[in-house]
PDB file of all heavy atoms in Angstrom:
ATOM      1  N   ARG A   1    -171.570-173.807  34.408  1.00  0.00           N
ATOM      2  CA  ARG A   1    -170.638-173.625  33.285  1.00  0.00           C
ATOM      3  C   ARG A   1    -170.191-174.981  32.692  1.00  0.00           C
ATOM      4  O   ARG A   1    -170.044-175.964  33.428  1.00  0.00           O
ATOM      5  CB  ARG A   1    -169.405-172.860  33.760  1.00  0.00           C
ATOM      6  CG  ARG A   1    -168.437-172.464  32.640  1.00  0.00           C
ATOM      7  CD  ARG A   1    -167.192-171.812  33.194  1.00  0.00           C
ATOM      8  NE  ARG A   1    -167.466-170.671  34.014  1.00  0.00           N
ATOM      9  CZ  ARG A   1    -166.499-169.956  34.584  1.00  0.00           C
ATOM     10  NH1 ARG A   1    -165.221-170.323  34.458  1.00  0.00           N
ATOM     11  NH2 ARG A   1    -166.838-168.889  35.314  1.00  0.00           N
ATOM     12  N   GLY A   2    -170.008-175.057  31.416  1.00  0.00           N
ATOM     13  CA  GLY A   2    -169.537-176.267  30.777  1.00  0.00           C
ATOM     14  C   GLY A   2    -168.179-176.694  31.289  1.00  0.00           C
ATOM     15  O   GLY A   2    -167.293-175.865  31.443  1.00  0.00           O
ATOM     16  N   ALA A   3    -168.057-177.974  31.558  1.00  0.00           N
ATOM     17  CA  ALA A   3    -166.818-178.457  32.182  1.00  0.00           C
ATOM     18  C   ALA A   3    -165.596-178.263  31.252  1.00  0.00           C
ATOM     19  O   ALA A   3    -164.465-178.197  31.712  1.00  0.00           O
ATOM     20  CB  ALA A   3    -166.957-179.943  32.532  1.00  0.00           C
ATOM     21  N   GLY A   4    -165.848-178.167  29.949  1.00  0.00           N
ATOM     22  CA  GLY A   4    -164.741-177.942  29.026  1.00  0.00           C
ATOM     23  C   GLY A   4    -164.072-176.644  29.181  1.00  0.00           C
ATOM     24  O   GLY A   4    -162.946-176.438  28.660  1.00  0.00           O
ATOM     25  N   LYS A   5    -164.704-175.692  29.895  1.00  0.00           N
ATOM     26  CA  LYS A   5    -164.121-174.367  30.105  1.00  0.00           C
ATOM     27  C   LYS A   5    -163.443-174.266  31.474  1.00  0.00           C
ATOM     28  O   LYS A   5    -162.968-173.184  31.818  1.00  0.00           O
ATOM     29  CB  LYS A   5    -165.207-173.303  29.995  1.00  0.00           C
ATOM     30  CG  LYS A   5    -165.850-173.241  28.599  1.00  0.00           C
ATOM     31  CD  LYS A   5    -166.965-172.202  28.567  1.00  0.00           C
ATOM     32  CE  LYS A   5    -167.613-172.160  27.188  1.00  0.00           C
ATOM     33  NZ  LYS A   5    -168.705-171.134  27.119  1.00  0.00           N
ATOM     34  N   PHE A   6    -163.384-175.368  32.172  1.00  0.00           N
ATOM     35  CA  PHE A   6    -162.822-175.341  33.514  1.00  0.00           C
ATOM     36  C   PHE A   6    -161.294-175.354  33.450  1.00  0.00           C
ATOM     37  O   PHE A   6    -160.699-175.961  32.558  1.00  0.00           O
ATOM     38  CB  PHE A   6    -163.275-176.590  34.304  1.00  0.00           C
ATOM     39  CG  PHE A   6    -164.636-176.468  34.953  1.00  0.00           C
ATOM     40  CD1 PHE A   6    -165.461-175.432  34.644  1.00  0.00           C
ATOM     41  CD2 PHE A   6    -165.044-177.373  35.886  1.00  0.00           C
ATOM     42  CE1 PHE A   6    -166.691-175.300  35.214  1.00  0.00           C
ATOM     43  CE2 PHE A   6    -166.259-177.286  36.491  1.00  0.00           C
ATOM     44  CZ  PHE A   6    -167.102-176.231  36.183  1.00  0.00           C
ATOM     45  N   SER A   7    -160.669-174.674  34.420  1.00  0.00           N
ATOM     46  CA  SER A   7    -159.234-174.790  34.615  1.00  0.00           C
ATOM     47  C   SER A   7    -158.931-176.175  35.210  1.00  0.00           C
ATOM     48  O   SER A   7    -159.856-176.917  35.611  1.00  0.00           O
ATOM     49  CB  SER A   7    -158.745-173.751  35.600  1.00  0.00           C
ATOM     50  OG  SER A   7    -159.244-173.971  36.886  1.00  0.00           O
ATOM     51  N   LEU A   8    -157.641-176.579  35.251  1.00  0.00           N
ATOM     52  CA  LEU A   8    -157.330-177.840  35.807  1.00  0.00           C
ATOM     53  C   LEU A   8    -157.763-177.935  37.256  1.00  0.00           C
ATOM     54  O   LEU A   8    -158.275-178.978  37.715  1.00  0.00           O
ATOM     55  CB  LEU A   8    -155.800-178.088  35.706  1.00  0.00           C
ATOM     56  CG  LEU A   8    -155.284-179.390  36.335  1.00  0.00           C
ATOM     57  CD1 LEU A   8    -156.021-180.620  35.753  1.00  0.00           C
ATOM     58  CD2 LEU A   8    -153.784-179.514  36.141  1.00  0.00           C
ATOM     59  N   GLY A   9    -157.558-176.868  38.011  1.00  0.00           N
ATOM     60  CA  GLY A   9    -157.953-176.877  39.438  1.00  0.00           C
ATOM     61  C   GLY A   9    -159.451-177.065  39.626  1.00  0.00           C
ATOM     62  O   GLY A   9    -159.898-177.837  40.498  1.00  0.00           O
ATOM     63  N   MET A  10    -160.238-176.428  38.774  1.00  0.00           N
ATOM     64  CA  MET A  10    -161.705-176.582  38.824  1.00  0.00           C
ATOM     65  C   MET A  10    -162.094-178.006  38.440  1.00  0.00           C
ATOM     66  O   MET A  10    -163.019-178.576  39.046  1.00  0.00           O
ATOM     67  CB  MET A  10    -162.377-175.548  37.928  1.00  0.00           C
ATOM     68  CG  MET A  10    -162.207-174.108  38.442  1.00  0.00           C
ATOM     69  SD  MET A  10    -162.511-172.882  37.134  1.00  0.00           S
ATOM     70  CE  MET A  10    -164.207-173.198  36.741  1.00  0.00           C
ATOM     71  N   SER A  11    -161.428-178.541  37.409  1.00  0.00           N
ATOM     72  CA  SER A  11    -161.707-179.917  37.007  1.00  0.00           C
ATOM     73  C   SER A  11    -161.368-180.922  38.131  1.00  0.00           C
ATOM     74  O   SER A  11    -162.081-181.903  38.367  1.00  0.00           O
ATOM     75  CB  SER A  11    -160.900-180.269  35.780  1.00  0.00           C
ATOM     76  OG  SER A  11    -161.279-179.482  34.642  1.00  0.00           O
ATOM     77  N   GLN A  12    -160.287-180.618  38.865  1.00  0.00           N
ATOM     78  CA  GLN A  12    -159.940-181.464  39.999  1.00  0.00           C
ATOM     79  C   GLN A  12    -161.049-181.469  41.041  1.00  0.00           C
ATOM     80  O   GLN A  12    -161.412-182.517  41.590  1.00  0.00           O
ATOM     81  CB  GLN A  12    -158.641-180.978  40.661  1.00  0.00           C
ATOM     82  CG  GLN A  12    -157.384-181.189  39.836  1.00  0.00           C
ATOM     83  CD  GLN A  12    -156.873-182.621  39.929  1.00  0.00           C
ATOM     84  OE1 GLN A  12    -157.627-183.587  39.868  1.00  0.00           O
ATOM     85  NE2 GLN A  12    -155.572-182.783  40.080  1.00  0.00           N
ATOM     86  N   ARG A  13    -161.581-180.296  41.320  1.00  0.00           N
ATOM     87  CA  ARG A  13    -162.654-180.199  42.316  1.00  0.00           C
ATOM     88  C   ARG A  13    -163.904-180.989  41.856  1.00  0.00           C
ATOM     89  O   ARG A  13    -164.560-181.666  42.671  1.00  0.00           O
ATOM     90  CB  ARG A  13    -163.020-178.738  42.573  1.00  0.00           C
ATOM     91  CG  ARG A  13    -161.903-177.990  43.344  1.00  0.00           C
ATOM     92  CD  ARG A  13    -162.236-176.499  43.448  1.00  0.00           C
ATOM     93  NE  ARG A  13    -161.207-175.740  44.134  1.00  0.00           N
ATOM     94  CZ  ARG A  13    -161.164-175.482  45.431  1.00  0.00           C
ATOM     95  NH1 ARG A  13    -162.180-175.895  46.180  1.00  0.00           N
ATOM     96  NH2 ARG A  13    -160.220-174.798  46.002  1.00  0.00           N
ATOM     97  N   LEU A  14    -164.216-180.889  40.565  1.00  0.00           N
ATOM     98  CA  LEU A  14    -165.341-181.626  40.039  1.00  0.00           C
ATOM     99  C   LEU A  14    -165.131-183.126  40.091  1.00  0.00           C
ATOM    100  O   LEU A  14    -166.008-183.898  40.440  1.00  0.00           O
ATOM    101  CB  LEU A  14    -165.635-181.226  38.577  1.00  0.00           C
ATOM    102  CG  LEU A  14    -166.795-181.899  37.904  1.00  0.00           C
ATOM    103  CD1 LEU A  14    -168.087-181.750  38.673  1.00  0.00           C
ATOM    104  CD2 LEU A  14    -166.937-181.387  36.479  1.00  0.00           C
ATOM    105  N   GLY A  15    -163.880-183.542  39.768  1.00  0.00           N
ATOM    106  CA  GLY A  15    -163.548-184.971  39.837  1.00  0.00           C
ATOM    107  C   GLY A  15    -163.635-185.532  41.247  1.00  0.00           C
ATOM    108  O   GLY A  15    -164.096-186.645  41.461  1.00  0.00           O
ATOM    109  N   ILE A  16    -163.196-184.733  42.207  1.00  0.00           N
ATOM    110  CA  ILE A  16    -163.307-185.161  43.607  1.00  0.00           C
ATOM    111  C   ILE A  16    -164.782-185.191  44.064  1.00  0.00           C
ATOM    112  O   ILE A  16    -165.195-186.141  44.780  1.00  0.00           O
ATOM    113  CB  ILE A  16    -162.504-184.210  44.485  1.00  0.00           C
ATOM    114  CG1 ILE A  16    -160.983-184.390  44.195  1.00  0.00           C
ATOM    115  CG2 ILE A  16    -162.753-184.453  45.978  1.00  0.00           C
ATOM    116  CD1 ILE A  16    -160.110-183.322  44.791  1.00  0.00           C
ATOM    117  N   ALA A  17    -165.573-184.240  43.605  1.00  0.00           N
ATOM    118  CA  ALA A  17    -167.004-184.271  43.938  1.00  0.00           C
ATOM    119  C   ALA A  17    -167.662-185.559  43.399  1.00  0.00           C
ATOM    120  O   ALA A  17    -168.436-186.216  44.073  1.00  0.00           O
ATOM    121  CB  ALA A  17    -167.684-183.055  43.363  1.00  0.00           C
ATOM    122  N   ALA A  18    -167.292-185.933  42.159  1.00  0.00           N
ATOM    123  CA  ALA A  18    -167.843-187.172  41.575  1.00  0.00           C
ATOM    124  C   ALA A  18    -167.416-188.377  42.380  1.00  0.00           C
ATOM    125  O   ALA A  18    -168.216-189.322  42.600  1.00  0.00           O
ATOM    126  CB  ALA A  18    -167.408-187.288  40.118  1.00  0.00           C
ATOM    127  N   ALA A  19    -166.152-188.410  42.857  1.00  0.00           N
ATOM    128  CA  ALA A  19    -165.634-189.538  43.623  1.00  0.00           C
ATOM    129  C   ALA A  19    -166.381-189.670  44.956  1.00  0.00           C
ATOM    130  O   ALA A  19    -166.531-190.777  45.471  1.00  0.00           O
ATOM    131  CB  ALA A  19    -164.159-189.386  43.849  1.00  0.00           C
ATOM    132  N   LEU A  20    -166.810-188.546  45.506  1.00  0.00           N
ATOM    133  CA  LEU A  20    -167.430-188.579  46.835  1.00  0.00           C
ATOM    134  C   LEU A  20    -168.969-188.612  46.779  1.00  0.00           C
ATOM    135  O   LEU A  20    -169.645-188.622  47.808  1.00  0.00           O
ATOM    136  CB  LEU A  20    -167.003-187.339  47.625  1.00  0.00           C
ATOM    137  CG  LEU A  20    -165.536-187.166  47.882  1.00  0.00           C
ATOM    138  CD1 LEU A  20    -165.263-185.891  48.656  1.00  0.00           C
ATOM    139  CD2 LEU A  20    -164.931-188.359  48.628  1.00  0.00           C
ATOM    140  N   LEU A  21    -169.512-188.635  45.587  1.00  0.00           N
ATOM    141  CA  LEU A  21    -170.973-188.500  45.402  1.00  0.00           C
ATOM    142  C   LEU A  21    -171.785-189.525  46.206  1.00  0.00           C
ATOM    143  O   LEU A  21    -172.794-189.172  46.814  1.00  0.00           O
ATOM    144  CB  LEU A  21    -171.290-188.600  43.875  1.00  0.00           C
ATOM    145  CG  LEU A  21    -172.739-188.234  43.461  1.00  0.00           C
ATOM    146  CD1 LEU A  21    -173.021-186.765  43.838  1.00  0.00           C
ATOM    147  CD2 LEU A  21    -172.904-188.483  41.999  1.00  0.00           C
ATOM    148  N   GLY A  22    -171.342-190.757  46.184  1.00  0.00           N
ATOM    149  CA  GLY A  22    -172.083-191.791  46.907  1.00  0.00           C
ATOM    150  C   GLY A  22    -171.658-191.980  48.333  1.00  0.00           C
ATOM    151  O   GLY A  22    -172.070-192.961  48.999  1.00  0.00           O
ATOM    152  N   ASP A  23    -170.887-191.031  48.882  1.00  0.00           N
ATOM    153  CA  ASP A  23    -170.308-191.128  50.242  1.00  0.00           C
ATOM    154  C   ASP A  23    -169.669-192.507  50.424  1.00  0.00           C
ATOM    155  O   ASP A  23    -170.005-193.244  51.374  1.00  0.00           O
ATOM    156  CB  ASP A  23    -171.390-190.905  51.306  1.00  0.00           C
ATOM    157  CG  ASP A  23    -170.781-190.695  52.695  1.00  0.00           C
ATOM    158  OD1 ASP A  23    -169.604-190.323  52.761  1.00  0.00           O
ATOM    159  OD2 ASP A  23    -171.535-190.882  53.697  1.00  0.00           O
ATOM    160  N   PRO A  24    -168.718-192.844  49.550  1.00  0.00           N
ATOM    161  CA  PRO A  24    -168.159-194.233  49.538  1.00  0.00           C
ATOM    162  C   PRO A  24    -167.325-194.556  50.726  1.00  0.00           C
ATOM    163  O   PRO A  24    -166.714-193.657  51.333  1.00  0.00           O
ATOM    164  CB  PRO A  24    -167.351-194.257  48.244  1.00  0.00           C
ATOM    165  CG  PRO A  24    -166.916-192.846  48.078  1.00  0.00           C
ATOM    166  CD  PRO A  24    -168.055-192.001  48.538  1.00  0.00           C
ATOM    167  N   ALA A  25    -167.260-195.833  51.052  1.00  0.00           N
ATOM    168  CA  ALA A  25    -166.430-196.318  52.130  1.00  0.00           C
ATOM    169  C   ALA A  25    -164.935-196.271  51.771  1.00  0.00           C
ATOM    170  O   ALA A  25    -164.083-196.178  52.628  1.00  0.00           O
ATOM    171  CB  ALA A  25    -166.809-197.733  52.531  1.00  0.00           C
ATOM    172  N   THR A  26    -164.663-196.334  50.448  1.00  0.00           N
ATOM    173  CA  THR A  26    -163.275-196.334  49.981  1.00  0.00           C
ATOM    174  C   THR A  26    -163.095-195.303  48.907  1.00  0.00           C
ATOM    175  O   THR A  26    -163.930-195.209  47.972  1.00  0.00           O
ATOM    176  CB  THR A  26    -162.885-197.735  49.415  1.00  0.00           C
ATOM    177  OG1 THR A  26    -162.949-198.688  50.479  1.00  0.00           O
ATOM    178  CG2 THR A  26    -161.502-197.727  48.815  1.00  0.00           C
ATOM    179  N   VAL A  27    -162.034-194.488  49.001  1.00  0.00           N
ATOM    180  CA  VAL A  27    -161.798-193.403  48.041  1.00  0.00           C
ATOM    181  C   VAL A  27    -160.415-193.556  47.485  1.00  0.00           C
ATOM    182  O   VAL A  27    -159.445-193.717  48.219  1.00  0.00           O
ATOM    183  CB  VAL A  27    -161.941-191.998  48.734  1.00  0.00           C
ATOM    184  CG1 VAL A  27    -161.639-190.876  47.734  1.00  0.00           C
ATOM    185  CG2 VAL A  27    -163.308-191.852  49.365  1.00  0.00           C
ATOM    186  N   VAL A  28    -160.290-193.520  46.162  1.00  0.00           N
ATOM    187  CA  VAL A  28    -159.029-193.674  45.433  1.00  0.00           C
ATOM    188  C   VAL A  28    -158.845-192.424  44.560  1.00  0.00           C
ATOM    189  O   VAL A  28    -159.640-192.162  43.679  1.00  0.00           O
ATOM    190  CB  VAL A  28    -159.023-194.937  44.546  1.00  0.00           C
ATOM    191  CG1 VAL A  28    -157.709-194.999  43.770  1.00  0.00           C
ATOM    192  CG2 VAL A  28    -159.226-196.175  45.372  1.00  0.00           C
ATOM    193  N   LEU A  29    -157.785-191.695  44.820  1.00  0.00           N
ATOM    194  CA  LEU A  29    -157.536-190.402  44.092  1.00  0.00           C
ATOM    195  C   LEU A  29    -156.128-190.412  43.529  1.00  0.00           C
ATOM    196  O   LEU A  29    -155.174-190.670  44.229  1.00  0.00           O
ATOM    197  CB  LEU A  29    -157.720-189.209  45.047  1.00  0.00           C
ATOM    198  CG  LEU A  29    -159.058-189.064  45.748  1.00  0.00           C
ATOM    199  CD1 LEU A  29    -159.042-187.919  46.728  1.00  0.00           C
ATOM    200  CD2 LEU A  29    -160.152-188.861  44.721  1.00  0.00           C
ATOM    201  N   ASP A  30    -156.031-190.040  42.251  1.00  0.00           N
ATOM    202  CA  ASP A  30    -154.750-189.941  41.581  1.00  0.00           C
ATOM    203  C   ASP A  30    -154.375-188.501  41.380  1.00  0.00           C
ATOM    204  O   ASP A  30    -155.112-187.755  40.724  1.00  0.00           O
ATOM    205  CB  ASP A  30    -154.818-190.659  40.220  1.00  0.00           C
ATOM    206  CG  ASP A  30    -153.461-190.768  39.526  1.00  0.00           C
ATOM    207  OD1 ASP A  30    -152.458-190.633  40.240  1.00  0.00           O
ATOM    208  OD2 ASP A  30    -153.429-190.995  38.334  1.00  0.00           O
ATOM    209  N   GLU A  31    -153.286-188.050  42.000  1.00  0.00           N
ATOM    210  CA  GLU A  31    -152.787-186.671  41.866  1.00  0.00           C
ATOM    211  C   GLU A  31    -153.839-185.634  42.182  1.00  0.00           C
ATOM    212  O   GLU A  31    -154.158-184.757  41.372  1.00  0.00           O
ATOM    213  CB  GLU A  31    -152.205-186.432  40.470  1.00  0.00           C
ATOM    214  CG  GLU A  31    -151.123-187.363  40.041  1.00  0.00           C
ATOM    215  CD  GLU A  31    -149.776-187.123  40.753  1.00  0.00           C
ATOM    216  OE1 GLU A  31    -149.697-186.167  41.517  1.00  0.00           O
ATOM    217  OE2 GLU A  31    -148.864-187.933  40.554  1.00  0.00           O
ATOM    218  N   PRO A  32    -154.490-185.658  43.340  1.00  0.00           N
ATOM    219  CA  PRO A  32    -155.639-184.784  43.609  1.00  0.00           C
ATOM    220  C   PRO A  32    -155.292-183.296  43.744  1.00  0.00           C
ATOM    221  O   PRO A  32    -156.191-182.461  43.647  1.00  0.00           O
ATOM    222  CB  PRO A  32    -156.207-185.348  44.914  1.00  0.00           C
ATOM    223  CG  PRO A  32    -155.039-185.960  45.587  1.00  0.00           C
ATOM    224  CD  PRO A  32    -154.222-186.576  44.456  1.00  0.00           C
ATOM    225  N   VAL A  33    -154.017-182.947  43.974  1.00  0.00           N
ATOM    226  CA  VAL A  33    -153.695-181.530  44.140  1.00  0.00           C
ATOM    227  C   VAL A  33    -153.162-180.840  42.892  1.00  0.00           C
ATOM    228  O   VAL A  33    -152.876-179.670  42.913  1.00  0.00           O
ATOM    229  CB  VAL A  33    -152.670-181.305  45.305  1.00  0.00           C
ATOM    230  CG1 VAL A  33    -153.179-181.866  46.608  1.00  0.00           C
ATOM    231  CG2 VAL A  33    -151.314-181.957  44.956  1.00  0.00           C
ATOM    232  N   ASN A  34    -153.068-181.604  41.817  1.00  0.00           N
ATOM    233  CA  ASN A  34    -152.613-181.002  40.544  1.00  0.00           C
ATOM    234  C   ASN A  34    -153.514-179.834  40.142  1.00  0.00           C
ATOM    235  O   ASN A  34    -154.758-179.947  40.087  1.00  0.00           O
ATOM    236  CB  ASN A  34    -152.644-182.031  39.420  1.00  0.00           C
ATOM    237  CG  ASN A  34    -151.351-182.806  39.317  1.00  0.00           C
ATOM    238  OD1 ASN A  34    -150.489-182.636  40.131  1.00  0.00           O
ATOM    239  ND2 ASN A  34    -151.269-183.665  38.316  1.00  0.00           N
ATOM    240  N   GLY A  35    -152.877-178.688  39.870  1.00  0.00           N
ATOM    241  CA  GLY A  35    -153.620-177.510  39.397  1.00  0.00           C
ATOM    242  C   GLY A  35    -154.318-176.734  40.473  1.00  0.00           C
ATOM    243  O   GLY A  35    -154.925-175.677  40.160  1.00  0.00           O
ATOM    244  N   LEU A  36    -154.238-177.140  41.737  1.00  0.00           N
ATOM    245  CA  LEU A  36    -154.915-176.421  42.810  1.00  0.00           C
ATOM    246  C   LEU A  36    -154.035-175.311  43.329  1.00  0.00           C
ATOM    247  O   LEU A  36    -152.803-175.433  43.381  1.00  0.00           O
ATOM    248  CB  LEU A  36    -155.272-177.365  43.951  1.00  0.00           C
ATOM    249  CG  LEU A  36    -156.355-178.406  43.631  1.00  0.00           C
ATOM    250  CD1 LEU A  36    -156.621-179.261  44.867  1.00  0.00           C
ATOM    251  CD2 LEU A  36    -157.672-177.739  43.151  1.00  0.00           C
ATOM    252  N   ASP A  37    -154.640-174.217  43.750  1.00  0.00           N
ATOM    253  CA  ASP A  37    -153.901-173.126  44.386  1.00  0.00           C
ATOM    254  C   ASP A  37    -153.651-173.481  45.860  1.00  0.00           C
ATOM    255  O   ASP A  37    -154.031-174.551  46.317  1.00  0.00           O
ATOM    256  CB  ASP A  37    -154.638-171.789  44.235  1.00  0.00           C
ATOM    257  CG  ASP A  37    -156.068-171.837  44.801  1.00  0.00           C
ATOM    258  OD1 ASP A  37    -156.403-172.747  45.574  1.00  0.00           O
ATOM    259  OD2 ASP A  37    -156.865-170.930  44.455  1.00  0.00           O
ATOM    260  N   VAL A  38    -153.058-172.564  46.585  1.00  0.00           N
ATOM    261  CA  VAL A  38    -152.703-172.803  47.978  1.00  0.00           C
ATOM    262  C   VAL A  38    -153.926-173.153  48.814  1.00  0.00           C
ATOM    263  O   VAL A  38    -153.952-174.116  49.587  1.00  0.00           O
ATOM    264  CB  VAL A  38    -151.957-171.628  48.588  1.00  0.00           C
ATOM    265  CG1 VAL A  38    -151.710-171.845  50.090  1.00  0.00           C
ATOM    266  CG2 VAL A  38    -150.618-171.419  47.883  1.00  0.00           C
ATOM    267  N   GLU A  39    -155.006-172.387  48.594  1.00  0.00           N
ATOM    268  CA  GLU A  39    -156.248-172.645  49.345  1.00  0.00           C
ATOM    269  C   GLU A  39    -156.780-174.037  49.039  1.00  0.00           C
ATOM    270  O   GLU A  39    -157.241-174.753  49.901  1.00  0.00           O
ATOM    271  CB  GLU A  39    -157.281-171.584  49.023  1.00  0.00           C
ATOM    272  CG  GLU A  39    -158.583-171.686  49.824  1.00  0.00           C
ATOM    273  CD  GLU A  39    -159.553-172.699  49.253  1.00  0.00           C
ATOM    274  OE1 GLU A  39    -159.570-172.873  48.026  1.00  0.00           O
ATOM    275  OE2 GLU A  39    -160.340-173.275  50.029  1.00  0.00           O
ATOM    276  N   GLY A  40    -156.739-174.398  47.726  1.00  0.00           N
ATOM    277  CA  GLY A  40    -157.220-175.687  47.323  1.00  0.00           C
ATOM    278  C   GLY A  40    -156.417-176.816  47.898  1.00  0.00           C
ATOM    279  O   GLY A  40    -156.954-177.874  48.271  1.00  0.00           O
ATOM    280  N   ILE A  41    -155.084-176.642  47.942  1.00  0.00           N
ATOM    281  CA  ILE A  41    -154.233-177.700  48.494  1.00  0.00           C
ATOM    282  C   ILE A  41    -154.548-177.880  49.997  1.00  0.00           C
ATOM    283  O   ILE A  41    -154.611-179.017  50.480  1.00  0.00           O
ATOM    284  CB  ILE A  41    -152.754-177.319  48.264  1.00  0.00           C
ATOM    285  CG1 ILE A  41    -152.402-177.410  46.770  1.00  0.00           C
ATOM    286  CG2 ILE A  41    -151.831-178.273  49.075  1.00  0.00           C
ATOM    287  CD1 ILE A  41    -151.045-176.897  46.432  1.00  0.00           C
TER     288      ILE A  41
END
């Protein structure tokens, strides 16, 4: 699905996936739980 149709919670999950794509040694996340439901949090 096009990312423009994502809810904030779905966009958060995609942003986190992009941050982890290279299995980095250092991870920096700004407000990662915004828009997530209880399960997501």
